[in-house]
Amino acid sequence: MTESGQTIGVRLSIAPTYESGAVLFSYLAFPEPEAVARRADVHAALCHLALRATGDEYPDWLWTPTPIKPGYALMREAEVQRATRTMDRRLRERLDAAIVAKPLLEEVAPDQPPRLPPGINKATLAALGEYMLFRNRATVDVSDVRNFHARVWQASLPVIHLAVALNVLFERTLAAGMGKLAVHDLVRSREAVEFLTRTATELEPIILANPRFGIGANQLVRFRLT
């Protein structure tokens, strides 16, 4: 993993695909600059799960000489569960934020209005936030909406472009009858890693130019294929 300010290298040219994919998802879960240790734990756990999934899928591979970092394979189950527990919740929150973000992104399209969730007539953060909360609750008050904006929306902004890219990828896999792929499958897929990185890169200028997002260039985590 290489970093230059807020630019993260996704090193598919020299690193195993699962390591590069794990970079994306560790940052998606923990984009905070100070979360270095949490990202490292998640990255290692995802690499462990990717290796285990590969072994389950290709039993002969388990006994084929293969260069890997032993630390990935030797992680204890408790370590993996501890590292991924918060990651799972945060990835759900990032996908919730992506659902809010997409109508805001579609507002700039000149030829058609944004696609809004059922019951929403206007693309506002307040309305979209309430929609996300009402999906899982019978009642919502003002404090719930404020909490959603602070805990989910604002926390997701540094990686909102990557979250939207993941949302789009899931839409495509579902449309293709593939279902919602597990994270340990996505990190092993070179096609998925390239799609996520390139789509996030394409969304950067659109998000930075849209005042509805309110995020500066120095706050957005950038991902680049290297």
C-alpha atoms as a PDB file:
ATOM      1  CA  MET A   1       0.000   0.000   0.000  1.00  0.00           C
ATOM      2  CA  THR A   2       1.443   3.361  -0.957  1.00  0.00           C
ATOM      3  CA  GLU A   3       0.167   6.729   0.180  1.00  0.00           C
ATOM      4  CA  SER A   4       0.884  10.224  -1.045  1.00  0.00           C
ATOM      5  CA  GLY A   5      -1.226  12.650   0.972  1.00  0.00           C
ATOM      6  CA  GLN A   6      -4.759  11.437   0.350  1.00  0.00           C
ATOM      7  CA  THR A   7      -3.888   9.343  -2.727  1.00  0.00           C
ATOM      8  CA  ILE A   8      -3.867   5.576  -2.212  1.00  0.00           C
ATOM      9  CA  GLY A   9      -2.116   3.307  -4.671  1.00  0.00           C
ATOM     10  CA  VAL A  10      -4.026   0.174  -5.660  1.00  0.00           C
ATOM     11  CA  ARG A  11      -1.033  -1.821  -6.813  1.00  0.00           C
ATOM     12  CA  LEU A  12      -2.504  -4.468  -9.075  1.00  0.00           C
ATOM     13  CA  SER A  13       0.621  -4.404 -11.231  1.00  0.00           C
ATOM     14  CA  ILE A  14       2.850  -5.845  -8.495  1.00  0.00           C
ATOM     15  CA  ALA A  15       0.654  -7.093  -5.637  1.00  0.00           C
ATOM     16  CA  PRO A  16      -1.769 -10.019  -5.478  1.00  0.00           C
ATOM     17  CA  THR A  17      -5.289  -8.997  -6.435  1.00  0.00           C
ATOM     18  CA  TYR A  18      -6.681  -9.815  -2.989  1.00  0.00           C
ATOM     19  CA  GLU A  19      -4.186  -7.469  -1.326  1.00  0.00           C
ATOM     20  CA  SER A  20      -5.177  -4.627  -3.649  1.00  0.00           C
ATOM     21  CA  GLY A  21      -8.860  -5.314  -3.127  1.00  0.00           C
ATOM     22  CA  ALA A  22      -8.364  -5.389   0.626  1.00  0.00           C
ATOM     23  CA  VAL A  23      -6.842  -1.901   0.402  1.00  0.00           C
ATOM     24  CA  LEU A  24     -10.101  -0.563  -1.052  1.00  0.00           C
ATOM     25  CA  PHE A  25     -12.338  -2.164   1.550  1.00  0.00           C
ATOM     26  CA  SER A  26     -10.133  -1.311   4.515  1.00  0.00           C
ATOM     27  CA  TYR A  27     -10.280   2.358   3.501  1.00  0.00           C
ATOM     28  CA  LEU A  28     -13.987   2.128   2.771  1.00  0.00           C
ATOM     29  CA  ALA A  29     -14.569   0.954   6.342  1.00  0.00           C
ATOM     30  CA  PHE A  30     -11.982   3.181   8.026  1.00  0.00           C
ATOM     31  CA  PRO A  31     -11.195   6.292   5.948  1.00  0.00           C
ATOM     32  CA  GLU A  32     -10.122   8.350   8.956  1.00  0.00           C
ATOM     33  CA  PRO A  33      -6.436   9.393   8.732  1.00  0.00           C
ATOM     34  CA  GLU A  34      -5.833   8.248  12.311  1.00  0.00           C
ATOM     35  CA  ALA A  35      -7.304   4.761  11.742  1.00  0.00           C
ATOM     36  CA  VAL A  36      -4.022   3.250  10.520  1.00  0.00           C
ATOM     37  CA  ALA A  37      -4.068   0.290  12.921  1.00  0.00           C
ATOM     38  CA  ARG A  38      -7.743  -0.496  12.274  1.00  0.00           C
ATOM     39  CA  ARG A  39      -7.160  -0.454   8.508  1.00  0.00           C
ATOM     40  CA  ALA A  40      -4.148  -2.738   8.873  1.00  0.00           C
ATOM     41  CA  ASP A  41      -6.171  -5.235  10.921  1.00  0.00           C
ATOM     42  CA  VAL A  42      -9.037  -5.222   8.416  1.00  0.00           C
ATOM     43  CA  HIS A  43      -6.630  -5.512   5.487  1.00  0.00           C
ATOM     44  CA  ALA A  44      -4.943  -8.577   7.009  1.00  0.00           C
ATOM     45  CA  ALA A  45      -8.282 -10.176   7.905  1.00  0.00           C
ATOM     46  CA  LEU A  46      -9.636  -9.702   4.375  1.00  0.00           C
ATOM     47  CA  CYS A  47      -6.489 -11.223   2.901  1.00  0.00           C
ATOM     48  CA  HIS A  48      -6.898 -14.181   5.268  1.00  0.00           C
ATOM     49  CA  LEU A  49     -10.533 -14.640   4.185  1.00  0.00           C
ATOM     50  CA  ALA A  50      -9.592 -14.323   0.518  1.00  0.00           C
ATOM     51  CA  LEU A  51      -6.945 -17.038   0.842  1.00  0.00           C
ATOM     52  CA  ARG A  52      -9.362 -19.279   2.707  1.00  0.00           C
ATOM     53  CA  ALA A  53     -12.059 -18.751   0.057  1.00  0.00           C
ATOM     54  CA  THR A  54      -9.571 -19.557  -2.697  1.00  0.00           C
ATOM     55  CA  GLY A  55      -8.637 -22.778  -0.895  1.00  0.00           C
ATOM     56  CA  ASP A  56     -12.286 -23.738  -0.537  1.00  0.00           C
ATOM     57  CA  GLU A  57     -12.875 -23.096  -4.227  1.00  0.00           C
ATOM     58  CA  TYR A  58      -9.691 -24.728  -5.490  1.00  0.00           C
ATOM     59  CA  PRO A  59      -8.613 -27.523  -3.086  1.00  0.00           C
ATOM     60  CA  ASP A  60      -5.560 -28.407  -5.186  1.00  0.00           C
ATOM     61  CA  TRP A  61      -4.293 -24.830  -4.785  1.00  0.00           C
ATOM     62  CA  LEU A  62      -3.854 -25.455  -1.057  1.00  0.00           C
ATOM     63  CA  TRP A  63      -0.949 -27.820  -1.790  1.00  0.00           C
ATOM     64  CA  THR A  64       0.582 -25.876  -4.656  1.00  0.00           C
ATOM     65  CA  PRO A  65       3.736 -23.849  -3.833  1.00  0.00           C
ATOM     66  CA  THR A  66       2.486 -20.255  -3.769  1.00  0.00           C
ATOM     67  CA  PRO A  67       4.164 -17.087  -2.481  1.00  0.00           C
ATOM     68  CA  ILE A  68       2.012 -15.607   0.300  1.00  0.00           C
ATOM     69  CA  LYS A  69       2.639 -13.660   3.484  1.00  0.00           C
ATOM     70  CA  PRO A  70       2.379 -16.262   6.279  1.00  0.00           C
ATOM     71  CA  GLY A  71       0.791 -13.748   8.620  1.00  0.00           C
ATOM     72  CA  TYR A  72      -2.382 -13.764   6.544  1.00  0.00           C
ATOM     73  CA  ALA A  73      -2.767 -17.528   6.679  1.00  0.00           C
ATOM     74  CA  LEU A  74      -1.851 -17.815  10.365  1.00  0.00           C
ATOM     75  CA  MET A  75      -4.384 -15.320  11.727  1.00  0.00           C
ATOM     76  CA  ARG A  76      -6.564 -16.799  14.457  1.00  0.00           C
ATOM     77  CA  GLU A  77     -10.314 -16.916  13.908  1.00  0.00           C
ATOM     78  CA  ALA A  78     -10.899 -14.591  16.861  1.00  0.00           C
ATOM     79  CA  GLU A  79      -8.569 -12.004  15.303  1.00  0.00           C
ATOM     80  CA  VAL A  80     -10.398 -12.179  11.998  1.00  0.00           C
ATOM     81  CA  GLN A  81     -13.809 -11.834  13.623  1.00  0.00           C
ATOM     82  CA  ARG A  82     -12.649  -8.926  15.767  1.00  0.00           C
ATOM     83  CA  ALA A  83     -11.209  -7.102  12.759  1.00  0.00           C
ATOM     84  CA  THR A  84     -14.247  -7.600  10.526  1.00  0.00           C
ATOM     85  CA  ARG A  85     -17.047  -7.035  13.062  1.00  0.00           C
ATOM     86  CA  THR A  86     -16.976  -3.245  12.852  1.00  0.00           C
ATOM     87  CA  MET A  87     -16.047  -3.408   9.169  1.00  0.00           C
ATOM     88  CA  ASP A  88     -19.313  -5.181   8.345  1.00  0.00           C
ATOM     89  CA  ARG A  89     -21.388  -2.482  10.051  1.00  0.00           C
ATOM     90  CA  ARG A  90     -19.444   0.321   8.450  1.00  0.00           C
ATOM     91  CA  LEU A  91     -19.763  -1.167   4.978  1.00  0.00           C
ATOM     92  CA  ARG A  92     -23.536  -1.278   5.452  1.00  0.00           C
ATOM     93  CA  GLU A  93     -23.411   2.383   6.451  1.00  0.00           C
ATOM     94  CA  ARG A  94     -21.328   3.255   3.385  1.00  0.00           C
ATOM     95  CA  LEU A  95     -23.900   1.581   1.136  1.00  0.00           C
ATOM     96  CA  ASP A  96     -26.686   3.504   2.895  1.00  0.00           C
ATOM     97  CA  ALA A  97     -24.753   6.715   2.229  1.00  0.00           C
ATOM     98  CA  ALA A  98     -24.357   5.695  -1.420  1.00  0.00           C
ATOM     99  CA  ILE A  99     -28.145   5.407  -1.790  1.00  0.00           C
ATOM    100  CA  VAL A 100     -28.437   8.979  -0.500  1.00  0.00           C
ATOM    101  CA  ALA A 101     -25.601  10.174  -2.770  1.00  0.00           C
ATOM    102  CA  LYS A 102     -26.839   8.784  -6.075  1.00  0.00           C
ATOM    103  CA  PRO A 103     -29.822  11.142  -6.554  1.00  0.00           C
ATOM    104  CA  LEU A 104     -27.526  14.065  -5.733  1.00  0.00           C
ATOM    105  CA  LEU A 105     -25.090  12.903  -8.385  1.00  0.00           C
ATOM    106  CA  GLU A 106     -27.877  12.404 -10.923  1.00  0.00           C
ATOM    107  CA  GLU A 107     -29.074  15.987 -10.449  1.00  0.00           C
ATOM    108  CA  VAL A 108     -26.306  17.183 -12.766  1.00  0.00           C
ATOM    109  CA  ALA A 109     -27.477  14.956 -15.625  1.00  0.00           C
ATOM    110  CA  PRO A 110     -28.950  17.306 -18.267  1.00  0.00           C
ATOM    111  CA  ASP A 111     -31.355  14.893 -19.923  1.00  0.00           C
ATOM    112  CA  GLN A 112     -33.321  13.311 -17.071  1.00  0.00           C
ATOM    113  CA  PRO A 113     -34.334  13.976 -13.454  1.00  0.00           C
ATOM    114  CA  PRO A 114     -32.668  12.030 -10.638  1.00  0.00           C
ATOM    115  CA  ARG A 115     -34.114   8.657  -9.745  1.00  0.00           C
ATOM    116  CA  LEU A 116     -35.637   9.044  -6.273  1.00  0.00           C
ATOM    117  CA  PRO A 117     -36.569   6.351  -3.762  1.00  0.00           C
ATOM    118  CA  PRO A 118     -40.289   5.592  -3.297  1.00  0.00           C
ATOM    119  CA  GLY A 119     -42.146   8.356  -1.509  1.00  0.00           C
ATOM    120  CA  ILE A 120     -39.418  10.976  -2.043  1.00  0.00           C
ATOM    121  CA  ASN A 121     -40.348  13.920  -4.266  1.00  0.00           C
ATOM    122  CA  LYS A 122     -37.195  16.009  -3.965  1.00  0.00           C
ATOM    123  CA  ALA A 123     -33.536  15.106  -3.566  1.00  0.00           C
ATOM    124  CA  THR A 124     -32.663  16.684  -0.228  1.00  0.00           C
ATOM    125  CA  LEU A 125     -30.330  15.248   2.397  1.00  0.00           C
ATOM    126  CA  ALA A 126     -33.061  15.477   5.027  1.00  0.00           C
ATOM    127  CA  ALA A 127     -35.634  13.593   2.933  1.00  0.00           C
ATOM    128  CA  LEU A 128     -33.188  10.961   1.777  1.00  0.00           C
ATOM    129  CA  GLY A 129     -31.865  10.478   5.305  1.00  0.00           C
ATOM    130  CA  GLU A 130     -35.400   9.966   6.630  1.00  0.00           C
ATOM    131  CA  TYR A 131     -36.055   7.459   3.863  1.00  0.00           C
ATOM    132  CA  MET A 132     -33.015   5.412   4.867  1.00  0.00           C
ATOM    133  CA  LEU A 133     -34.081   5.417   8.507  1.00  0.00           C
ATOM    134  CA  PHE A 134     -37.720   4.526   7.776  1.00  0.00           C
ATOM    135  CA  ARG A 135     -36.565   1.466   5.836  1.00  0.00           C
ATOM    136  CA  ASN A 136     -35.639  -0.160   9.150  1.00  0.00           C
ATOM    137  CA  ARG A 137     -37.877   1.591  11.693  1.00  0.00           C
ATOM    138  CA  ALA A 138     -41.546   2.345  12.229  1.00  0.00           C
ATOM    139  CA  THR A 139     -40.930   5.840  13.648  1.00  0.00           C
ATOM    140  CA  VAL A 140     -38.128   8.391  13.272  1.00  0.00           C
ATOM    141  CA  ASP A 141     -37.528  11.652  15.133  1.00  0.00           C
ATOM    142  CA  VAL A 142     -35.282  14.642  14.501  1.00  0.00           C
ATOM    143  CA  SER A 143     -32.445  13.269  16.618  1.00  0.00           C
ATOM    144  CA  ASP A 144     -32.429  10.070  14.528  1.00  0.00           C
ATOM    145  CA  VAL A 145     -31.987  12.081  11.328  1.00  0.00           C
ATOM    146  CA  ARG A 146     -29.230  14.153  12.869  1.00  0.00           C
ATOM    147  CA  ASN A 147     -27.511  10.991  14.041  1.00  0.00           C
ATOM    148  CA  PHE A 148     -27.751   9.504  10.542  1.00  0.00           C
ATOM    149  CA  HIS A 149     -26.132  12.577   9.006  1.00  0.00           C
ATOM    150  CA  ALA A 150     -23.325  12.607  11.584  1.00  0.00           C
ATOM    151  CA  ARG A 151     -22.656   8.881  11.920  1.00  0.00           C
ATOM    152  CA  VAL A 152     -23.403   7.689   8.388  1.00  0.00           C
ATOM    153  CA  TRP A 153     -23.419  10.542   5.869  1.00  0.00           C
ATOM    154  CA  GLN A 154     -20.626  12.766   7.160  1.00  0.00           C
ATOM    155  CA  ALA A 155     -18.457   9.790   8.119  1.00  0.00           C
ATOM    156  CA  SER A 156     -18.833   8.380   4.602  1.00  0.00           C
ATOM    157  CA  LEU A 157     -17.977  11.532   2.654  1.00  0.00           C
ATOM    158  CA  PRO A 158     -14.210  10.901   2.353  1.00  0.00           C
ATOM    159  CA  VAL A 159     -14.983   7.644   0.499  1.00  0.00           C
ATOM    160  CA  ILE A 160     -18.454   8.392  -0.865  1.00  0.00           C
ATOM    161  CA  HIS A 161     -17.194   7.966  -4.438  1.00  0.00           C
ATOM    162  CA  LEU A 162     -15.983   4.453  -3.610  1.00  0.00           C
ATOM    163  CA  ALA A 163     -19.238   3.678  -1.792  1.00  0.00           C
ATOM    164  CA  VAL A 164     -21.263   4.696  -4.854  1.00  0.00           C
ATOM    165  CA  ALA A 165     -18.977   2.589  -7.052  1.00  0.00           C
ATOM    166  CA  LEU A 166     -19.678  -0.423  -4.823  1.00  0.00           C
ATOM    167  CA  ASN A 167     -23.417   0.260  -4.987  1.00  0.00           C
ATOM    168  CA  VAL A 168     -23.257   0.349  -8.792  1.00  0.00           C
ATOM    169  CA  LEU A 169     -21.235  -2.873  -8.856  1.00  0.00           C
ATOM    170  CA  PHE A 170     -23.817  -4.640  -6.690  1.00  0.00           C
ATOM    171  CA  GLU A 171     -26.616  -3.404  -8.968  1.00  0.00           C
ATOM    172  CA  ARG A 172     -24.810  -4.896 -11.945  1.00  0.00           C
ATOM    173  CA  THR A 173     -24.119  -8.245 -10.290  1.00  0.00           C
ATOM    174  CA  LEU A 174     -27.730  -8.520  -9.146  1.00  0.00           C
ATOM    175  CA  ALA A 175     -28.975  -7.672 -12.639  1.00  0.00           C
ATOM    176  CA  ALA A 176     -26.701 -10.380 -14.010  1.00  0.00           C
ATOM    177  CA  GLY A 177     -28.214 -12.930 -11.626  1.00  0.00           C
ATOM    178  CA  MET A 178     -25.001 -13.237  -9.599  1.00  0.00           C
ATOM    179  CA  GLY A 179     -26.451 -12.039  -6.302  1.00  0.00           C
ATOM    180  CA  LYS A 180     -24.671  -9.768  -3.855  1.00  0.00           C
ATOM    181  CA  LEU A 181     -21.096 -10.982  -3.802  1.00  0.00           C
ATOM    182  CA  ALA A 182     -19.265 -11.338  -0.489  1.00  0.00           C
ATOM    183  CA  VAL A 183     -16.396  -8.984   0.256  1.00  0.00           C
ATOM    184  CA  HIS A 184     -13.868 -11.833   0.235  1.00  0.00           C
ATOM    185  CA  ASP A 185     -15.013 -12.643  -3.311  1.00  0.00           C
ATOM    186  CA  LEU A 186     -14.790  -9.020  -4.470  1.00  0.00           C
ATOM    187  CA  VAL A 187     -11.251  -8.523  -3.191  1.00  0.00           C
ATOM    188  CA  ARG A 188     -10.144 -11.563  -5.212  1.00  0.00           C
ATOM    189  CA  SER A 189     -11.660 -10.294  -8.448  1.00  0.00           C
ATOM    190  CA  ARG A 190      -9.301  -8.212 -10.548  1.00  0.00           C
ATOM    191  CA  GLU A 191     -12.251  -7.038 -12.655  1.00  0.00           C
ATOM    192  CA  ALA A 192     -14.105  -5.843  -9.534  1.00  0.00           C
ATOM    193  CA  VAL A 193     -11.056  -4.080  -8.087  1.00  0.00           C
ATOM    194  CA  GLU A 194     -10.398  -2.296 -11.384  1.00  0.00           C
ATOM    195  CA  PHE A 195     -14.070  -1.321 -11.749  1.00  0.00           C
ATOM    196  CA  LEU A 196     -14.289   0.068  -8.208  1.00  0.00           C
ATOM    197  CA  THR A 197     -11.077   2.057  -8.534  1.00  0.00           C
ATOM    198  CA  ARG A 198     -11.842   3.501 -11.965  1.00  0.00           C
ATOM    199  CA  THR A 199     -15.465   4.318 -11.140  1.00  0.00           C
ATOM    200  CA  ALA A 200     -14.456   6.043  -7.902  1.00  0.00           C
ATOM    201  CA  THR A 201     -11.857   8.052  -9.839  1.00  0.00           C
ATOM    202  CA  GLU A 202     -14.443   9.125 -12.416  1.00  0.00           C
ATOM    203  CA  LEU A 203     -16.821  10.272  -9.669  1.00  0.00           C
ATOM    204  CA  GLU A 204     -14.243  12.436  -7.880  1.00  0.00           C
ATOM    205  CA  PRO A 205     -14.649  15.648  -9.937  1.00  0.00           C
ATOM    206  CA  ILE A 206     -18.445  15.333  -9.967  1.00  0.00           C
ATOM    207  CA  ILE A 207     -18.590  15.081  -6.185  1.00  0.00           C
ATOM    208  CA  LEU A 208     -16.074  17.868  -5.612  1.00  0.00           C
ATOM    209  CA  ALA A 209     -17.999  20.177  -7.958  1.00  0.00           C
ATOM    210  CA  ASN A 210     -21.340  19.531  -6.227  1.00  0.00           C
ATOM    211  CA  PRO A 211     -21.841  21.795  -3.180  1.00  0.00           C
ATOM    212  CA  ARG A 212     -24.479  19.392  -1.833  1.00  0.00           C
ATOM    213  CA  PHE A 213     -21.648  17.100  -0.751  1.00  0.00           C
ATOM    214  CA  GLY A 214     -19.675  19.847   0.949  1.00  0.00           C
ATOM    215  CA  ILE A 215     -16.342  18.034   0.859  1.00  0.00           C
ATOM    216  CA  GLY A 216     -13.020  19.576  -0.104  1.00  0.00           C
ATOM    217  CA  ALA A 217     -10.360  18.071  -2.338  1.00  0.00           C
ATOM    218  CA  ASN A 218      -8.048  17.595   0.644  1.00  0.00           C
ATOM    219  CA  GLN A 219     -10.689  15.519   2.462  1.00  0.00           C
ATOM    220  CA  LEU A 220     -11.508  13.058  -0.321  1.00  0.00           C
ATOM    221  CA  VAL A 221      -9.485   9.847  -0.307  1.00  0.00           C
ATOM    222  CA  ARG A 222      -8.302   9.206  -3.852  1.00  0.00           C
ATOM    223  CA  PHE A 223      -7.572   5.765  -5.265  1.00  0.00           C
ATOM    224  CA  ARG A 224      -5.328   5.128  -8.247  1.00  0.00           C
ATOM    225  CA  LEU A 225      -4.389   1.927 -10.088  1.00  0.00           C
ATOM    226  CA  THR A 226      -0.624   1.481 -10.185  1.00  0.00           C
END
